[in-house]
Structures are given as C-alpha cells and as structure tokens.
Amino acid sequence: MKTDHVKTDQDCGIVNDRNAWSREVGNPFYVLYLLTRIVTISAETVRTVRDLPPIDFAKPDL
C-alpha cells in the first residue's frame, strides 16, 4: 500500500511536505535529531520527577 505524504492544499496552494525543511537546511538527519532531543527531554523529565520529594496527600488534622 503506497500513500503519498506530500499534499497540496486545494484552497491556498500550500504544499505540506514533512521533509522539506531537512532538504532546505541541507540536513537529511534533521528529523532524527529532533527525535533524539525528544527522547533526551523525556528521560530527563523522568529523572527530575523521580528525584522530587514525596507529597503527603493525607487530610490535615483540623
């Protein structure tokens, strides 16, 4: 099954090509670079949340 991911909007004529930016800047690995940044940020977020002190959600004594 072949799907064409490059589409042109009929109303405005804008071409939606997700690889255009990597060709424009001359970096074919741009999408891979973004993916590695997302993984790094996710791992750092998990580490930060794990290092937070526990929160006591018990009702305070009134």
PDB file of N, CA and C in Angstrom:
ATOM      1  N   MET A   1       0.847  -1.166   0.000  1.00  0.00           N
ATOM      2  CA  MET A   1       0.000   0.000   0.000  1.00  0.00           C
ATOM      3  C   MET A   1       0.897   1.234   0.000  1.00  0.00           C
ATOM      4  N   LYS A   2       0.755   2.072  -0.993  1.00  0.00           N
ATOM      5  CA  LYS A   2       1.547   3.282  -1.105  1.00  0.00           C
ATOM      6  C   LYS A   2       0.677   4.477  -0.743  1.00  0.00           C
ATOM      7  N   THR A   3       1.188   5.314   0.142  1.00  0.00           N
ATOM      8  CA  THR A   3       0.469   6.532   0.487  1.00  0.00           C
ATOM      9  C   THR A   3       1.359   7.710   0.171  1.00  0.00           C
ATOM     10  N   ASP A   4       0.791   8.746  -0.389  1.00  0.00           N
ATOM     11  CA  ASP A   4       1.530   9.943  -0.736  1.00  0.00           C
ATOM     12  C   ASP A   4       1.415  10.928   0.417  1.00  0.00           C
ATOM     13  N   HIS A   5       2.541  11.208   1.072  1.00  0.00           N
ATOM     14  CA  HIS A   5       2.520  12.094   2.238  1.00  0.00           C
ATOM     15  C   HIS A   5       2.703  13.561   1.876  1.00  0.00           C
ATOM     16  N   VAL A   6       3.044  13.841   0.637  1.00  0.00           N
ATOM     17  CA  VAL A   6       3.176  15.229   0.205  1.00  0.00           C
ATOM     18  C   VAL A   6       1.847  15.631  -0.405  1.00  0.00           C
ATOM     19  N   LYS A   7       1.222  16.620   0.228  1.00  0.00           N
ATOM     20  CA  LYS A   7      -0.102  17.039  -0.226  1.00  0.00           C
ATOM     21  C   LYS A   7      -0.115  18.542  -0.445  1.00  0.00           C
ATOM     22  N   THR A   8      -0.911  18.991  -1.381  1.00  0.00           N
ATOM     23  CA  THR A   8      -1.087  20.413  -1.645  1.00  0.00           C
ATOM     24  C   THR A   8      -2.504  20.800  -1.277  1.00  0.00           C
ATOM     25  N   ASP A   9      -2.625  21.819  -0.422  1.00  0.00           N
ATOM     26  CA  ASP A   9      -3.940  22.311  -0.013  1.00  0.00           C
ATOM     27  C   ASP A   9      -4.632  22.934  -1.222  1.00  0.00           C
ATOM     28  N   GLN A  10      -5.852  22.519  -1.473  1.00  0.00           N
ATOM     29  CA  GLN A  10      -6.581  22.991  -2.650  1.00  0.00           C
ATOM     30  C   GLN A  10      -6.962  24.466  -2.551  1.00  0.00           C
ATOM     31  N   ASP A  11      -7.238  24.946  -1.345  1.00  0.00           N
ATOM     32  CA  ASP A  11      -7.699  26.332  -1.185  1.00  0.00           C
ATOM     33  C   ASP A  11      -6.565  27.346  -1.307  1.00  0.00           C
ATOM     34  N   CYS A  12      -5.427  27.083  -0.653  1.00  0.00           N
ATOM     35  CA  CYS A  12      -4.359  28.096  -0.624  1.00  0.00           C
ATOM     36  C   CYS A  12      -3.131  27.705  -1.429  1.00  0.00           C
ATOM     37  N   GLY A  13      -3.014  26.444  -1.815  1.00  0.00           N
ATOM     38  CA  GLY A  13      -1.880  26.008  -2.616  1.00  0.00           C
ATOM     39  C   GLY A  13      -0.620  25.701  -1.829  1.00  0.00           C
ATOM     40  N   ILE A  14      -0.698  25.695  -0.496  1.00  0.00           N
ATOM     41  CA  ILE A  14       0.462  25.388   0.329  1.00  0.00           C
ATOM     42  C   ILE A  14       0.766  23.900   0.233  1.00  0.00           C
ATOM     43  N   VAL A  15       2.054  23.594  -0.004  1.00  0.00           N
ATOM     44  CA  VAL A  15       2.485  22.201  -0.103  1.00  0.00           C
ATOM     45  C   VAL A  15       2.888  21.721   1.286  1.00  0.00           C
ATOM     46  N   ASN A  16       2.301  20.615   1.725  1.00  0.00           N
ATOM     47  CA  ASN A  16       2.594  20.025   3.026  1.00  0.00           C
ATOM     48  C   ASN A  16       3.540  18.851   2.809  1.00  0.00           C
ATOM     49  N   ASP A  17       4.840  19.125   2.972  1.00  0.00           N
ATOM     50  CA  ASP A  17       5.873  18.100   2.807  1.00  0.00           C
ATOM     51  C   ASP A  17       6.713  18.086   4.073  1.00  0.00           C
ATOM     52  N   ARG A  18       6.596  17.035   4.858  1.00  0.00           N
ATOM     53  CA  ARG A  18       7.277  16.995   6.157  1.00  0.00           C
ATOM     54  C   ARG A  18       8.788  16.895   6.035  1.00  0.00           C
ATOM     55  N   ASN A  19       9.321  16.588   4.860  1.00  0.00           N
ATOM     56  CA  ASN A  19      10.767  16.508   4.696  1.00  0.00           C
ATOM     57  C   ASN A  19      11.357  17.755   4.041  1.00  0.00           C
ATOM     58  N   ALA A  20      10.539  18.742   3.717  1.00  0.00           N
ATOM     59  CA  ALA A  20      11.017  19.931   3.019  1.00  0.00           C
ATOM     60  C   ALA A  20      12.046  20.698   3.844  1.00  0.00           C
ATOM     61  N   TRP A  21      11.831  20.816   5.142  1.00  0.00           N
ATOM     62  CA  TRP A  21      12.757  21.586   5.980  1.00  0.00           C
ATOM     63  C   TRP A  21      14.144  20.949   5.981  1.00  0.00           C
ATOM     64  N   SER A  22      14.228  19.628   6.089  1.00  0.00           N
ATOM     65  CA  SER A  22      15.540  18.981   6.114  1.00  0.00           C
ATOM     66  C   SER A  22      16.278  19.184   4.793  1.00  0.00           C
ATOM     67  N   ARG A  23      15.553  19.211   3.694  1.00  0.00           N
ATOM     68  CA  ARG A  23      16.197  19.498   2.401  1.00  0.00           C
ATOM     69  C   ARG A  23      16.616  20.961   2.323  1.00  0.00           C
ATOM     70  N   GLU A  24      15.783  21.843   2.863  1.00  0.00           N
ATOM     71  CA  GLU A  24      16.063  23.275   2.803  1.00  0.00           C
ATOM     72  C   GLU A  24      17.323  23.639   3.577  1.00  0.00           C
ATOM     73  N   VAL A  25      17.508  23.053   4.746  1.00  0.00           N
ATOM     74  CA  VAL A  25      18.675  23.361   5.564  1.00  0.00           C
ATOM     75  C   VAL A  25      19.858  22.458   5.241  1.00  0.00           C
ATOM     76  N   GLY A  26      19.675  21.499   4.361  1.00  0.00           N
ATOM     77  CA  GLY A  26      20.769  20.618   3.960  1.00  0.00           C
ATOM     78  C   GLY A  26      21.144  19.591   5.005  1.00  0.00           C
ATOM     79  N   ASN A  27      20.208  19.205   5.854  1.00  0.00           N
ATOM     80  CA  ASN A  27      20.479  18.229   6.905  1.00  0.00           C
ATOM     81  C   ASN A  27      19.461  17.096   6.805  1.00  0.00           C
ATOM     82  N   PRO A  28      19.820  16.021   6.119  1.00  0.00           N
ATOM     83  CA  PRO A  28      18.849  14.924   5.965  1.00  0.00           C
ATOM     84  C   PRO A  28      18.533  14.197   7.269  1.00  0.00           C
ATOM     85  N   PHE A  29      19.311  14.441   8.303  1.00  0.00           N
ATOM     86  CA  PHE A  29      19.090  13.773   9.583  1.00  0.00           C
ATOM     87  C   PHE A  29      18.344  14.660  10.570  1.00  0.00           C
ATOM     88  N   TYR A  30      17.733  15.723  10.107  1.00  0.00           N
ATOM     89  CA  TYR A  30      17.059  16.683  10.984  1.00  0.00           C
ATOM     90  C   TYR A  30      15.958  16.015  11.810  1.00  0.00           C
ATOM     91  N   VAL A  31      15.133  15.197  11.194  1.00  0.00           N
ATOM     92  CA  VAL A  31      14.040  14.531  11.914  1.00  0.00           C
ATOM     93  C   VAL A  31      14.607  13.591  12.977  1.00  0.00           C
ATOM     94  N   LEU A  32      15.677  12.889  12.649  1.00  0.00           N
ATOM     95  CA  LEU A  32      16.319  12.007  13.632  1.00  0.00           C
ATOM     96  C   LEU A  32      16.880  12.821  14.796  1.00  0.00           C
ATOM     97  N   TYR A  33      17.462  13.977  14.499  1.00  0.00           N
ATOM     98  CA  TYR A  33      17.971  14.870  15.538  1.00  0.00           C
ATOM     99  C   TYR A  33      16.833  15.294  16.477  1.00  0.00           C
ATOM    100  N   LEU A  34      15.686  15.672  15.913  1.00  0.00           N
ATOM    101  CA  LEU A  34      14.549  16.056  16.747  1.00  0.00           C
ATOM    102  C   LEU A  34      14.085  14.900  17.623  1.00  0.00           C
ATOM    103  N   LEU A  35      14.049  13.713  17.058  1.00  0.00           N
ATOM    104  CA  LEU A  35      13.626  12.534  17.818  1.00  0.00           C
ATOM    105  C   LEU A  35      14.570  12.272  18.990  1.00  0.00           C
ATOM    106  N   THR A  36      15.875  12.408  18.773  1.00  0.00           N
ATOM    107  CA  THR A  36      16.809  12.183  19.879  1.00  0.00           C
ATOM    108  C   THR A  36      16.648  13.240  20.959  1.00  0.00           C
ATOM    109  N   ARG A  37      16.307  14.466  20.576  1.00  0.00           N
ATOM    110  CA  ARG A  37      16.065  15.515  21.577  1.00  0.00           C
ATOM    111  C   ARG A  37      14.827  15.189  22.403  1.00  0.00           C
ATOM    112  N   ILE A  38      13.777  14.680  21.752  1.00  0.00           N
ATOM    113  CA  ILE A  38      12.556  14.320  22.476  1.00  0.00           C
ATOM    114  C   ILE A  38      12.845  13.211  23.480  1.00  0.00           C
ATOM    115  N   VAL A  39      13.611  12.217  23.066  1.00  0.00           N
ATOM    116  CA  VAL A  39      13.954  11.117  23.973  1.00  0.00           C
ATOM    117  C   VAL A  39      14.776  11.626  25.149  1.00  0.00           C
ATOM    118  N   THR A  40      15.729  12.510  24.886  1.00  0.00           N
ATOM    119  CA  THR A  40      16.561  13.066  25.951  1.00  0.00           C
ATOM    120  C   THR A  40      15.724  13.867  26.941  1.00  0.00           C
ATOM    121  N   ILE A  41      14.841  14.720  26.427  1.00  0.00           N
ATOM    122  CA  ILE A  41      13.989  15.526  27.306  1.00  0.00           C
ATOM    123  C   ILE A  41      13.070  14.629  28.135  1.00  0.00           C
ATOM    124  N   SER A  42      12.542  13.585  27.521  1.00  0.00           N
ATOM    125  CA  SER A  42      11.673  12.653  28.246  1.00  0.00           C
ATOM    126  C   SER A  42      12.435  11.955  29.369  1.00  0.00           C
ATOM    127  N   ALA A  43      13.642  11.506  29.083  1.00  0.00           N
ATOM    128  CA  ALA A  43      14.445  10.827  30.104  1.00  0.00           C
ATOM    129  C   ALA A  43      14.798  11.785  31.242  1.00  0.00           C
ATOM    130  N   GLU A  44      15.151  13.013  30.913  1.00  0.00           N
ATOM    131  CA  GLU A  44      15.472  14.000  31.949  1.00  0.00           C
ATOM    132  C   GLU A  44      14.243  14.336  32.792  1.00  0.00           C
ATOM    133  N   THR A  45      13.080  14.394  32.179  1.00  0.00           N
ATOM    134  CA  THR A  45      11.847  14.662  32.918  1.00  0.00           C
ATOM    135  C   THR A  45      11.554  13.529  33.903  1.00  0.00           C
ATOM    136  N   VAL A  46      11.713  12.294  33.457  1.00  0.00           N
ATOM    137  CA  VAL A  46      11.502  11.148  34.347  1.00  0.00           C
ATOM    138  C   VAL A  46      12.472  11.212  35.515  1.00  0.00           C
ATOM    139  N   ARG A  47      13.725  11.530  35.251  1.00  0.00           N
ATOM    140  CA  ARG A  47      14.721  11.622  36.317  1.00  0.00           C
ATOM    141  C   ARG A  47      14.369  12.739  37.305  1.00  0.00           C
ATOM    142  N   THR A  48      13.945  13.881  36.791  1.00  0.00           N
ATOM    143  CA  THR A  48      13.587  15.006  37.653  1.00  0.00           C
ATOM    144  C   THR A  48      12.384  14.676  38.524  1.00  0.00           C
ATOM    145  N   VAL A  49      11.363  14.078  37.942  1.00  0.00           N
ATOM    146  CA  VAL A  49      10.158  13.725  38.701  1.00  0.00           C
ATOM    147  C   VAL A  49      10.487  12.672  39.750  1.00  0.00           C
ATOM    148  N   ARG A  50      11.326  11.725  39.403  1.00  0.00           N
ATOM    149  CA  ARG A  50      11.707  10.676  40.356  1.00  0.00           C
ATOM    150  C   ARG A  50      12.466  11.260  41.544  1.00  0.00           C
ATOM    151  N   ASP A  51      13.239  12.318  41.318  1.00  0.00           N
ATOM    152  CA  ASP A  51      14.030  12.929  42.383  1.00  0.00           C
ATOM    153  C   ASP A  51      13.252  13.916  43.244  1.00  0.00           C
ATOM    154  N   LEU A  52      12.018  14.215  42.894  1.00  0.00           N
ATOM    155  CA  LEU A  52      11.206  15.133  43.697  1.00  0.00           C
ATOM    156  C   LEU A  52      10.849  14.479  45.022  1.00  0.00           C
ATOM    157  N   PRO A  53      10.724  15.273  46.077  1.00  0.00           N
ATOM    158  CA  PRO A  53      10.323  14.686  47.361  1.00  0.00           C
ATOM    159  C   PRO A  53       8.863  14.219  47.291  1.00  0.00           C
ATOM    160  N   PRO A  54       8.530  13.209  48.067  1.00  0.00           N
ATOM    161  CA  PRO A  54       7.147  12.723  48.051  1.00  0.00           C
ATOM    162  C   PRO A  54       6.181  13.764  48.617  1.00  0.00           C
ATOM    163  N   ILE A  55       4.963  13.722  48.139  1.00  0.00           N
ATOM    164  CA  ILE A  55       3.924  14.635  48.610  1.00  0.00           C
ATOM    165  C   ILE A  55       2.945  13.832  49.462  1.00  0.00           C
ATOM    166  N   ASP A  56       2.641  14.353  50.639  1.00  0.00           N
ATOM    167  CA  ASP A  56       1.687  13.691  51.524  1.00  0.00           C
ATOM    168  C   ASP A  56       0.302  14.260  51.242  1.00  0.00           C
ATOM    169  N   PHE A  57      -0.569  13.439  50.678  1.00  0.00           N
ATOM    170  CA  PHE A  57      -1.908  13.886  50.330  1.00  0.00           C
ATOM    171  C   PHE A  57      -2.932  13.577  51.428  1.00  0.00           C
ATOM    172  N   ALA A  58      -2.478  13.209  52.593  1.00  0.00           N
ATOM    173  CA  ALA A  58      -3.376  12.913  53.697  1.00  0.00           C
ATOM    174  C   ALA A  58      -4.055  14.199  54.146  1.00  0.00           C
ATOM    175  N   LYS A  59      -5.291  14.051  54.635  1.00  0.00           N
ATOM    176  CA  LYS A  59      -6.031  15.217  55.131  1.00  0.00           C
ATOM    177  C   LYS A  59      -5.328  15.783  56.347  1.00  0.00           C
ATOM    178  N   PRO A  60      -5.220  17.094  56.410  1.00  0.00           N
ATOM    179  CA  PRO A  60      -4.586  17.689  57.602  1.00  0.00           C
ATOM    180  C   PRO A  60      -5.520  17.552  58.803  1.00  0.00           C
ATOM    181  N   ASP A  61      -4.933  17.471  59.986  1.00  0.00           N
ATOM    182  CA  ASP A  61      -5.712  17.410  61.222  1.00  0.00           C
ATOM    183  C   ASP A  61      -6.369  18.762  61.465  1.00  0.00           C
ATOM    184  N   LEU A  62      -7.667  18.760  61.646  1.00  0.00           N
ATOM    185  CA  LEU A  62      -8.384  20.019  61.896  1.00  0.00           C
ATOM    186  C   LEU A  62      -8.743  20.169  63.346  1.00  0.00           C
TER     187      LEU A  62
END
